[in-house]
PDB file of N, CA and C in Angstrom:
ATOM      1  N   MET A   1      58.474 -37.544 152.405  1.00  0.00           N
ATOM      2  CA  MET A   1      58.016 -37.022 151.211  1.00  0.00           C
ATOM      3  C   MET A   1      59.000 -36.639 150.222  1.00  0.00           C
ATOM      4  N   THR A   2      60.288 -36.657 150.461  1.00  0.00           N
ATOM      5  CA  THR A   2      61.275 -36.367 149.475  1.00  0.00           C
ATOM      6  C   THR A   2      61.903 -37.682 148.931  1.00  0.00           C
ATOM      7  N   GLU A   3      61.572 -38.783 149.463  1.00  0.00           N
ATOM      8  CA  GLU A   3      62.259 -39.985 148.998  1.00  0.00           C
ATOM      9  C   GLU A   3      61.144 -40.928 148.409  1.00  0.00           C
ATOM     10  N   ASP A   4      61.701 -41.748 147.347  1.00  0.00           N
ATOM     11  CA  ASP A   4      60.724 -42.805 146.879  1.00  0.00           C
ATOM     12  C   ASP A   4      60.845 -44.142 147.356  1.00  0.00           C
ATOM     13  N   PHE A   5      61.974 -44.414 147.906  1.00  0.00           N
ATOM     14  CA  PHE A   5      62.097 -45.816 148.346  1.00  0.00           C
ATOM     15  C   PHE A   5      62.412 -45.826 149.816  1.00  0.00           C
ATOM     16  N   ALA A   6      62.332 -47.129 150.341  1.00  0.00           N
ATOM     17  CA  ALA A   6      62.326 -47.363 151.779  1.00  0.00           C
ATOM     18  C   ALA A   6      63.620 -46.991 152.440  1.00  0.00           C
ATOM     19  N   ASP A   7      64.833 -47.322 151.625  1.00  0.00           N
ATOM     20  CA  ASP A   7      66.098 -47.000 152.202  1.00  0.00           C
ATOM     21  C   ASP A   7      66.234 -45.457 152.411  1.00  0.00           C
ATOM     22  N   GLY A   8      65.761 -44.786 151.339  1.00  0.00           N
ATOM     23  CA  GLY A   8      65.907 -43.353 151.454  1.00  0.00           C
ATOM     24  C   GLY A   8      65.111 -42.657 152.615  1.00  0.00           C
ATOM     25  N   MET A   9      63.723 -43.212 152.732  1.00  0.00           N
ATOM     26  CA  MET A   9      62.903 -42.742 153.736  1.00  0.00           C
ATOM     27  C   MET A   9      63.440 -43.114 155.141  1.00  0.00           C
ATOM     28  N   ARG A  10      64.045 -44.264 155.236  1.00  0.00           N
ATOM     29  CA  ARG A  10      64.705 -44.632 156.606  1.00  0.00           C
ATOM     30  C   ARG A  10      65.864 -43.666 156.959  1.00  0.00           C
ATOM     31  N   ALA A  11      66.534 -43.331 155.926  1.00  0.00           N
ATOM     32  CA  ALA A  11      67.757 -42.450 156.114  1.00  0.00           C
ATOM     33  C   ALA A  11      67.168 -41.108 156.626  1.00  0.00           C
ATOM     34  N   CYS A  12      66.135 -40.613 155.936  1.00  0.00           N
ATOM     35  CA  CYS A  12      65.454 -39.228 156.259  1.00  0.00           C
ATOM     36  C   CYS A  12      65.064 -39.253 157.783  1.00  0.00           C
ATOM     37  N   VAL A  13      64.259 -40.406 158.206  1.00  0.00           N
ATOM     38  CA  VAL A  13      63.835 -40.528 159.409  1.00  0.00           C
ATOM     39  C   VAL A  13      64.940 -40.526 160.547  1.00  0.00           C
ATOM     40  N   GLU A  14      65.964 -41.189 160.130  1.00  0.00           N
ATOM     41  CA  GLU A  14      67.146 -41.462 161.055  1.00  0.00           C
ATOM     42  C   GLU A  14      67.801 -40.106 161.382  1.00  0.00           C
ATOM     43  N   ARG A  15      67.940 -39.228 160.203  1.00  0.00           N
ATOM     44  CA  ARG A  15      68.555 -37.950 160.253  1.00  0.00           C
ATOM     45  C   ARG A  15      67.623 -36.945 161.119  1.00  0.00           C
ATOM     46  N   GLU A  16      66.343 -37.198 160.997  1.00  0.00           N
ATOM     47  CA  GLU A  16      65.354 -36.363 161.834  1.00  0.00           C
ATOM     48  C   GLU A  16      65.393 -36.715 163.247  1.00  0.00           C
ATOM     49  N   LEU A  17      65.517 -37.967 163.573  1.00  0.00           N
ATOM     50  CA  LEU A  17      65.628 -38.480 164.971  1.00  0.00           C
ATOM     51  C   LEU A  17      66.988 -37.938 165.574  1.00  0.00           C
ATOM     52  N   GLU A  18      68.003 -37.941 164.775  1.00  0.00           N
ATOM     53  CA  GLU A  18      69.391 -37.300 165.400  1.00  0.00           C
ATOM     54  C   GLU A  18      69.272 -35.867 165.559  1.00  0.00           C
ATOM     55  N   GLU A  19      68.476 -35.146 164.714  1.00  0.00           N
ATOM     56  CA  GLU A  19      68.322 -33.685 164.849  1.00  0.00           C
ATOM     57  C   GLU A  19      67.347 -33.484 166.054  1.00  0.00           C
ATOM     58  N   CYS A  20      66.419 -34.275 166.314  1.00  0.00           N
ATOM     59  CA  CYS A  20      65.627 -34.144 167.482  1.00  0.00           C
ATOM     60  C   CYS A  20      66.508 -34.322 168.802  1.00  0.00           C
ATOM     61  N   LYS A  21      67.304 -35.327 168.812  1.00  0.00           N
ATOM     62  CA  LYS A  21      68.164 -35.536 169.877  1.00  0.00           C
ATOM     63  C   LYS A  21      69.002 -34.302 170.169  1.00  0.00           C
ATOM     64  N   ARG A  22      69.642 -33.749 169.069  1.00  0.00           N
ATOM     65  CA  ARG A  22      70.374 -32.541 169.384  1.00  0.00           C
ATOM     66  C   ARG A  22      69.534 -31.397 169.908  1.00  0.00           C
ATOM     67  N   VAL A  23      68.480 -31.229 169.366  1.00  0.00           N
ATOM     68  CA  VAL A  23      67.542 -30.047 169.944  1.00  0.00           C
ATOM     69  C   VAL A  23      67.312 -30.430 171.316  1.00  0.00           C
ATOM     70  N   GLY A  24      66.878 -31.575 171.654  1.00  0.00           N
ATOM     71  CA  GLY A  24      66.612 -31.817 173.150  1.00  0.00           C
ATOM     72  C   GLY A  24      67.897 -31.651 173.936  1.00  0.00           C
ATOM     73  N   ALA A  25      69.030 -31.966 173.501  1.00  0.00           N
ATOM     74  CA  ALA A  25      70.250 -31.668 174.355  1.00  0.00           C
ATOM     75  C   ALA A  25      70.355 -30.074 174.385  1.00  0.00           C
ATOM     76  N   ALA A  26      70.029 -29.310 173.405  1.00  0.00           N
ATOM     77  CA  ALA A  26      70.318 -27.974 173.533  1.00  0.00           C
ATOM     78  C   ALA A  26      69.183 -27.355 174.600  1.00  0.00           C
ATOM     79  N   ILE A  27      67.976 -27.890 174.482  1.00  0.00           N
ATOM     80  CA  ILE A  27      67.008 -27.508 175.371  1.00  0.00           C
ATOM     81  C   ILE A  27      67.294 -27.759 176.800  1.00  0.00           C
ATOM     82  N   ASP A  28      67.861 -29.095 177.048  1.00  0.00           N
ATOM     83  CA  ASP A  28      68.326 -29.449 178.460  1.00  0.00           C
ATOM     84  C   ASP A  28      69.425 -28.531 178.847  1.00  0.00           C
ATOM     85  N   ALA A  29      70.212 -27.850 178.023  1.00  0.00           N
ATOM     86  CA  ALA A  29      71.326 -27.063 178.447  1.00  0.00           C
ATOM     87  C   ALA A  29      71.027 -25.694 178.703  1.00  0.00           C
ATOM     88  N   LEU A  30      69.644 -25.325 178.569  1.00  0.00           N
ATOM     89  CA  LEU A  30      69.144 -24.034 178.831  1.00  0.00           C
ATOM     90  C   LEU A  30      69.136 -23.827 180.473  1.00  0.00           C
ATOM     91  N   PRO A  31      69.301 -22.530 180.861  1.00  0.00           N
ATOM     92  CA  PRO A  31      69.141 -22.367 182.328  1.00  0.00           C
ATOM     93  C   PRO A  31      67.855 -22.699 182.800  1.00  0.00           C
ATOM     94  N   ASP A  32      67.692 -23.048 184.146  1.00  0.00           N
ATOM     95  CA  ASP A  32      66.469 -23.395 184.716  1.00  0.00           C
ATOM     96  C   ASP A  32      65.557 -22.179 184.828  1.00  0.00           C
ATOM     97  N   ASP A  33      66.078 -21.001 184.929  1.00  0.00           N
ATOM     98  CA  ASP A  33      65.368 -19.741 185.204  1.00  0.00           C
ATOM     99  C   ASP A  33      64.679 -19.413 183.826  1.00  0.00           C
ATOM    100  N   PRO A  34      63.261 -19.377 183.661  1.00  0.00           N
ATOM    101  CA  PRO A  34      62.415 -19.187 182.517  1.00  0.00           C
ATOM    102  C   PRO A  34      62.992 -17.957 181.675  1.00  0.00           C
ATOM    103  N   ALA A  35      63.063 -16.744 182.563  1.00  0.00           N
ATOM    104  CA  ALA A  35      63.489 -15.625 181.880  1.00  0.00           C
ATOM    105  C   ALA A  35      64.797 -15.565 181.166  1.00  0.00           C
ATOM    106  N   ALA A  36      65.808 -16.233 181.794  1.00  0.00           N
ATOM    107  CA  ALA A  36      67.175 -16.423 181.235  1.00  0.00           C
ATOM    108  C   ALA A  36      67.187 -17.230 180.012  1.00  0.00           C
ATOM    109  N   ALA A  37      66.354 -18.361 180.143  1.00  0.00           N
ATOM    110  CA  ALA A  37      66.184 -19.300 178.963  1.00  0.00           C
ATOM    111  C   ALA A  37      65.550 -18.650 177.797  1.00  0.00           C
ATOM    112  N   GLY A  38      64.476 -17.777 178.119  1.00  0.00           N
ATOM    113  CA  GLY A  38      63.707 -17.118 177.128  1.00  0.00           C
ATOM    114  C   GLY A  38      64.714 -16.148 176.387  1.00  0.00           C
ATOM    115  N   ALA A  39      65.507 -15.403 177.224  1.00  0.00           N
ATOM    116  CA  ALA A  39      66.273 -14.466 176.463  1.00  0.00           C
ATOM    117  C   ALA A  39      67.351 -15.092 175.503  1.00  0.00           C
ATOM    118  N   ILE A  40      67.908 -16.318 175.974  1.00  0.00           N
ATOM    119  CA  ILE A  40      68.757 -16.976 175.215  1.00  0.00           C
ATOM    120  C   ILE A  40      68.058 -17.524 173.736  1.00  0.00           C
ATOM    121  N   LEU A  41      66.876 -18.130 174.071  1.00  0.00           N
ATOM    122  CA  LEU A  41      66.241 -18.409 172.886  1.00  0.00           C
ATOM    123  C   LEU A  41      65.754 -17.144 171.871  1.00  0.00           C
ATOM    124  N   ALA A  42      65.250 -16.061 172.418  1.00  0.00           N
ATOM    125  CA  ALA A  42      64.923 -15.002 171.622  1.00  0.00           C
ATOM    126  C   ALA A  42      66.101 -14.448 170.887  1.00  0.00           C
ATOM    127  N   LYS A  43      67.393 -14.431 171.476  1.00  0.00           N
ATOM    128  CA  LYS A  43      68.500 -14.051 170.738  1.00  0.00           C
ATOM    129  C   LYS A  43      68.827 -14.926 169.652  1.00  0.00           C
ATOM    130  N   ALA A  44      68.729 -16.416 169.885  1.00  0.00           N
ATOM    131  CA  ALA A  44      69.168 -17.429 169.009  1.00  0.00           C
ATOM    132  C   ALA A  44      68.135 -17.458 167.834  1.00  0.00           C
ATOM    133  N   THR A  45      66.943 -17.069 168.018  1.00  0.00           N
ATOM    134  CA  THR A  45      66.047 -17.148 166.978  1.00  0.00           C
ATOM    135  C   THR A  45      65.678 -15.836 166.305  1.00  0.00           C
ATOM    136  N   GLY A  46      66.552 -14.798 166.453  1.00  0.00           N
ATOM    137  CA  GLY A  46      66.307 -13.461 166.148  1.00  0.00           C
ATOM    138  C   GLY A  46      66.232 -13.281 164.510  1.00  0.00           C
ATOM    139  N   ALA A  47      66.903 -14.305 163.940  1.00  0.00           N
ATOM    140  CA  ALA A  47      66.972 -14.222 162.380  1.00  0.00           C
ATOM    141  C   ALA A  47      65.775 -14.860 161.780  1.00  0.00           C
ATOM    142  N   PHE A  48      64.851 -15.522 162.586  1.00  0.00           N
ATOM    143  CA  PHE A  48      63.724 -16.172 161.964  1.00  0.00           C
ATOM    144  C   PHE A  48      62.619 -15.202 162.183  1.00  0.00           C
ATOM    145  N   GLU A  49      62.220 -14.622 161.064  1.00  0.00           N
ATOM    146  CA  GLU A  49      61.082 -13.641 161.075  1.00  0.00           C
ATOM    147  C   GLU A  49      59.781 -14.233 161.348  1.00  0.00           C
ATOM    148  N   GLY A  50      58.947 -13.579 162.120  1.00  0.00           N
ATOM    149  CA  GLY A  50      57.683 -13.977 162.460  1.00  0.00           C
ATOM    150  C   GLY A  50      57.584 -14.758 163.815  1.00  0.00           C
ATOM    151  N   LEU A  51      58.706 -15.274 164.357  1.00  0.00           N
ATOM    152  CA  LEU A  51      58.508 -15.978 165.599  1.00  0.00           C
ATOM    153  C   LEU A  51      58.231 -15.266 166.708  1.00  0.00           C
ATOM    154  N   VAL A  52      57.406 -15.636 167.685  1.00  0.00           N
ATOM    155  CA  VAL A  52      56.875 -14.764 168.684  1.00  0.00           C
ATOM    156  C   VAL A  52      57.214 -15.524 170.031  1.00  0.00           C
ATOM    157  N   PHE A  53      57.934 -15.047 170.956  1.00  0.00           N
ATOM    158  CA  PHE A  53      58.195 -15.650 172.202  1.00  0.00           C
ATOM    159  C   PHE A  53      57.587 -14.812 173.380  1.00  0.00           C
ATOM    160  N   ASP A  54      56.276 -14.795 173.539  1.00  0.00           N
ATOM    161  CA  ASP A  54      55.773 -14.062 174.700  1.00  0.00           C
ATOM    162  C   ASP A  54      55.072 -15.102 175.591  1.00  0.00           C
ATOM    163  N   ASP A  55      54.308 -14.578 176.497  1.00  0.00           N
ATOM    164  CA  ASP A  55      53.740 -15.427 177.619  1.00  0.00           C
ATOM    165  C   ASP A  55      52.661 -16.476 176.987  1.00  0.00           C
ATOM    166  N   GLY A  56      52.133 -15.956 175.870  1.00  0.00           N
ATOM    167  CA  GLY A  56      50.977 -16.822 175.194  1.00  0.00           C
ATOM    168  C   GLY A  56      51.456 -17.327 173.919  1.00  0.00           C
ATOM    169  N   PHE A  57      52.578 -17.457 173.589  1.00  0.00           N
ATOM    170  CA  PHE A  57      53.023 -17.835 172.170  1.00  0.00           C
ATOM    171  C   PHE A  57      52.473 -19.239 171.730  1.00  0.00           C
ATOM    172  N   ASP A  58      52.293 -19.960 172.800  1.00  0.00           N
ATOM    173  CA  ASP A  58      51.719 -21.411 172.368  1.00  0.00           C
ATOM    174  C   ASP A  58      50.477 -21.719 173.304  1.00  0.00           C
ATOM    175  N   ASN A  59      49.752 -20.766 173.599  1.00  0.00           N
ATOM    176  CA  ASN A  59      48.466 -20.959 174.493  1.00  0.00           C
ATOM    177  C   ASN A  59      47.326 -20.975 173.747  1.00  0.00           C
ATOM    178  N   THR A  60      46.964 -22.381 173.474  1.00  0.00           N
ATOM    179  CA  THR A  60      45.791 -22.648 172.700  1.00  0.00           C
ATOM    180  C   THR A  60      44.617 -23.167 173.487  1.00  0.00           C
ATOM    181  N   ARG A  61      44.905 -23.299 174.840  1.00  0.00           N
ATOM    182  CA  ARG A  61      43.749 -23.844 175.817  1.00  0.00           C
ATOM    183  C   ARG A  61      42.642 -22.780 175.963  1.00  0.00           C
ATOM    184  N   ASP A  62      42.922 -21.580 176.153  1.00  0.00           N
ATOM    185  CA  ASP A  62      41.948 -20.527 176.203  1.00  0.00           C
ATOM    186  C   ASP A  62      41.817 -19.656 175.041  1.00  0.00           C
ATOM    187  N   ASP A  63      42.341 -20.054 173.862  1.00  0.00           N
ATOM    188  CA  ASP A  63      42.205 -19.305 172.583  1.00  0.00           C
ATOM    189  C   ASP A  63      42.903 -18.009 172.781  1.00  0.00           C
ATOM    190  N   ARG A  64      43.898 -17.722 173.407  1.00  0.00           N
ATOM    191  CA  ARG A  64      44.652 -16.536 173.527  1.00  0.00           C
ATOM    192  C   ARG A  64      45.581 -16.363 172.369  1.00  0.00           C
ATOM    193  N   THR A  65      45.910 -17.543 171.741  1.00  0.00           N
ATOM    194  CA  THR A  65      46.960 -17.611 170.672  1.00  0.00           C
ATOM    195  C   THR A  65      46.145 -18.270 169.427  1.00  0.00           C
ATOM    196  N   GLU A  66      46.226 -17.468 168.317  1.00  0.00           N
ATOM    197  CA  GLU A  66      45.510 -17.765 167.136  1.00  0.00           C
ATOM    198  C   GLU A  66      46.454 -18.991 166.493  1.00  0.00           C
ATOM    199  N   TYR A  67      47.695 -18.594 166.442  1.00  0.00           N
ATOM    200  CA  TYR A  67      48.686 -19.448 165.605  1.00  0.00           C
ATOM    201  C   TYR A  67      49.699 -20.048 166.672  1.00  0.00           C
ATOM    202  N   PRO A  68      49.563 -21.441 166.901  1.00  0.00           N
ATOM    203  CA  PRO A  68      50.383 -21.941 167.936  1.00  0.00           C
ATOM    204  C   PRO A  68      52.002 -22.129 167.463  1.00  0.00           C
ATOM    205  N   LEU A  69      52.847 -22.489 168.460  1.00  0.00           N
ATOM    206  CA  LEU A  69      54.190 -22.730 168.165  1.00  0.00           C
ATOM    207  C   LEU A  69      55.041 -21.503 167.986  1.00  0.00           C
ATOM    208  N   GLY A  70      54.455 -20.226 168.216  1.00  0.00           N
ATOM    209  CA  GLY A  70      55.204 -19.003 168.045  1.00  0.00           C
ATOM    210  C   GLY A  70      55.197 -18.611 166.598  1.00  0.00           C
ATOM    211  N   LEU A  71      54.363 -19.294 165.789  1.00  0.00           N
ATOM    212  CA  LEU A  71      54.373 -18.745 164.405  1.00  0.00           C
ATOM    213  C   LEU A  71      53.394 -17.562 164.175  1.00  0.00           C
ATOM    214  N   SER A  72      53.769 -16.739 163.293  1.00  0.00           N
ATOM    215  CA  SER A  72      52.871 -15.567 163.025  1.00  0.00           C
ATOM    216  C   SER A  72      51.844 -15.789 161.942  1.00  0.00           C
ATOM    217  N   TYR A  73      51.807 -16.982 161.319  1.00  0.00           N
ATOM    218  CA  TYR A  73      50.830 -17.369 160.587  1.00  0.00           C
ATOM    219  C   TYR A  73      50.863 -18.888 160.471  1.00  0.00           C
ATOM    220  N   TRP A  74      49.783 -19.453 159.973  1.00  0.00           N
ATOM    221  CA  TRP A  74      49.544 -20.955 159.688  1.00  0.00           C
ATOM    222  C   TRP A  74      48.951 -21.172 158.515  1.00  0.00           C
ATOM    223  N   THR A  75      49.347 -22.187 157.806  1.00  0.00           N
ATOM    224  CA  THR A  75      48.725 -22.599 156.423  1.00  0.00           C
ATOM    225  C   THR A  75      48.424 -24.094 156.411  1.00  0.00           C
ATOM    226  N   ASP A  76      47.292 -24.345 155.858  1.00  0.00           N
ATOM    227  CA  ASP A  76      46.932 -25.823 155.604  1.00  0.00           C
ATOM    228  C   ASP A  76      47.319 -26.258 154.279  1.00  0.00           C
ATOM    229  N   VAL A  77      48.082 -25.582 153.481  1.00  0.00           N
ATOM    230  CA  VAL A  77      48.351 -25.961 152.185  1.00  0.00           C
ATOM    231  C   VAL A  77      49.567 -26.853 152.138  1.00  0.00           C
ATOM    232  N   LEU A  78      49.379 -27.980 151.545  1.00  0.00           N
ATOM    233  CA  LEU A  78      50.469 -29.049 151.351  1.00  0.00           C
ATOM    234  C   LEU A  78      51.208 -28.710 150.151  1.00  0.00           C
ATOM    235  N   TYR A  79      52.486 -28.747 150.179  1.00  0.00           N
ATOM    236  CA  TYR A  79      53.267 -28.403 148.971  1.00  0.00           C
ATOM    237  C   TYR A  79      53.850 -29.608 148.274  1.00  0.00           C
ATOM    238  N   PHE A  80      53.005 -30.558 148.093  1.00  0.00           N
ATOM    239  CA  PHE A  80      53.189 -31.723 147.247  1.00  0.00           C
ATOM    240  C   PHE A  80      52.029 -32.305 146.711  1.00  0.00           C
ATOM    241  N   ALA A  81      52.099 -33.083 145.578  1.00  0.00           N
ATOM    242  CA  ALA A  81      50.862 -33.603 144.917  1.00  0.00           C
ATOM    243  C   ALA A  81      50.864 -35.147 145.147  1.00  0.00           C
ATOM    244  N   LEU A  82      49.733 -35.642 145.275  1.00  0.00           N
ATOM    245  CA  LEU A  82      49.610 -37.090 145.574  1.00  0.00           C
ATOM    246  C   LEU A  82      49.404 -37.669 144.137  1.00  0.00           C
ATOM    247  N   TRP A  83      49.882 -38.914 143.925  1.00  0.00           N
ATOM    248  CA  TRP A  83      49.660 -39.581 142.605  1.00  0.00           C
ATOM    249  C   TRP A  83      48.162 -40.154 142.565  1.00  0.00           C
ATOM    250  N   ASP A  84      47.781 -40.302 141.399  1.00  0.00           N
ATOM    251  CA  ASP A  84      46.376 -40.873 141.244  1.00  0.00           C
ATOM    252  C   ASP A  84      46.688 -42.408 141.346  1.00  0.00           C
ATOM    253  N   LYS A  85      45.522 -43.207 141.458  1.00  0.00           N
ATOM    254  CA  LYS A  85      45.752 -44.589 141.744  1.00  0.00           C
ATOM    255  C   LYS A  85      46.596 -45.295 140.572  1.00  0.00           C
ATOM    256  N   ALA A  86      46.382 -44.964 139.366  1.00  0.00           N
ATOM    257  CA  ALA A  86      47.066 -45.687 138.323  1.00  0.00           C
ATOM    258  C   ALA A  86      48.530 -45.388 138.349  1.00  0.00           C
ATOM    259  N   THR A  87      48.975 -44.153 138.647  1.00  0.00           N
ATOM    260  CA  THR A  87      50.473 -43.743 138.796  1.00  0.00           C
ATOM    261  C   THR A  87      51.094 -44.395 139.935  1.00  0.00           C
ATOM    262  N   PHE A  88      50.281 -44.410 141.175  1.00  0.00           N
ATOM    263  CA  PHE A  88      50.694 -45.150 142.268  1.00  0.00           C
ATOM    264  C   PHE A  88      50.925 -46.631 142.020  1.00  0.00           C
ATOM    265  N   ALA A  89      50.022 -47.250 141.408  1.00  0.00           N
ATOM    266  CA  ALA A  89      50.112 -48.701 141.128  1.00  0.00           C
ATOM    267  C   ALA A  89      51.381 -48.947 140.216  1.00  0.00           C
ATOM    268  N   ALA A  90      51.518 -48.125 139.257  1.00  0.00           N
ATOM    269  CA  ALA A  90      52.807 -48.196 138.205  1.00  0.00           C
ATOM    270  C   ALA A  90      54.016 -47.980 138.922  1.00  0.00           C
ATOM    271  N   ASN A  91      54.152 -47.335 140.080  1.00  0.00           N
ATOM    272  CA  ASN A  91      55.364 -47.139 140.711  1.00  0.00           C
ATOM    273  C   ASN A  91      55.489 -47.948 141.978  1.00  0.00           C
ATOM    274  N   GLU A  92      54.588 -48.836 142.283  1.00  0.00           N
ATOM    275  CA  GLU A  92      54.706 -49.738 143.377  1.00  0.00           C
ATOM    276  C   GLU A  92      55.973 -50.674 143.200  1.00  0.00           C
ATOM    277  N   ALA A  93      56.752 -50.986 144.192  1.00  0.00           N
ATOM    278  CA  ALA A  93      57.920 -51.809 144.024  1.00  0.00           C
ATOM    279  C   ALA A  93      57.435 -53.334 144.123  1.00  0.00           C
TER     280      ALA A  93
END
């Protein structure tokens, strides 16, 4: 959504994939003990206001969690505007 052309979009996707791999490696490096891993994650994310890491932080199966992913709120607002058909057609490559 931040790039207008295929090369820029491809570069964004490639950066995102690399970041996902780094996150995966960090998760793999956590201790096997859930309490120890949780303590490390809680300490690492302390600067992010609103994150919640309790037993039900991502429990949506029985509606114990209103906002998934440990977020303290959720919004459906998209922060970009779509072009109308004429603007889209004028900008097609």
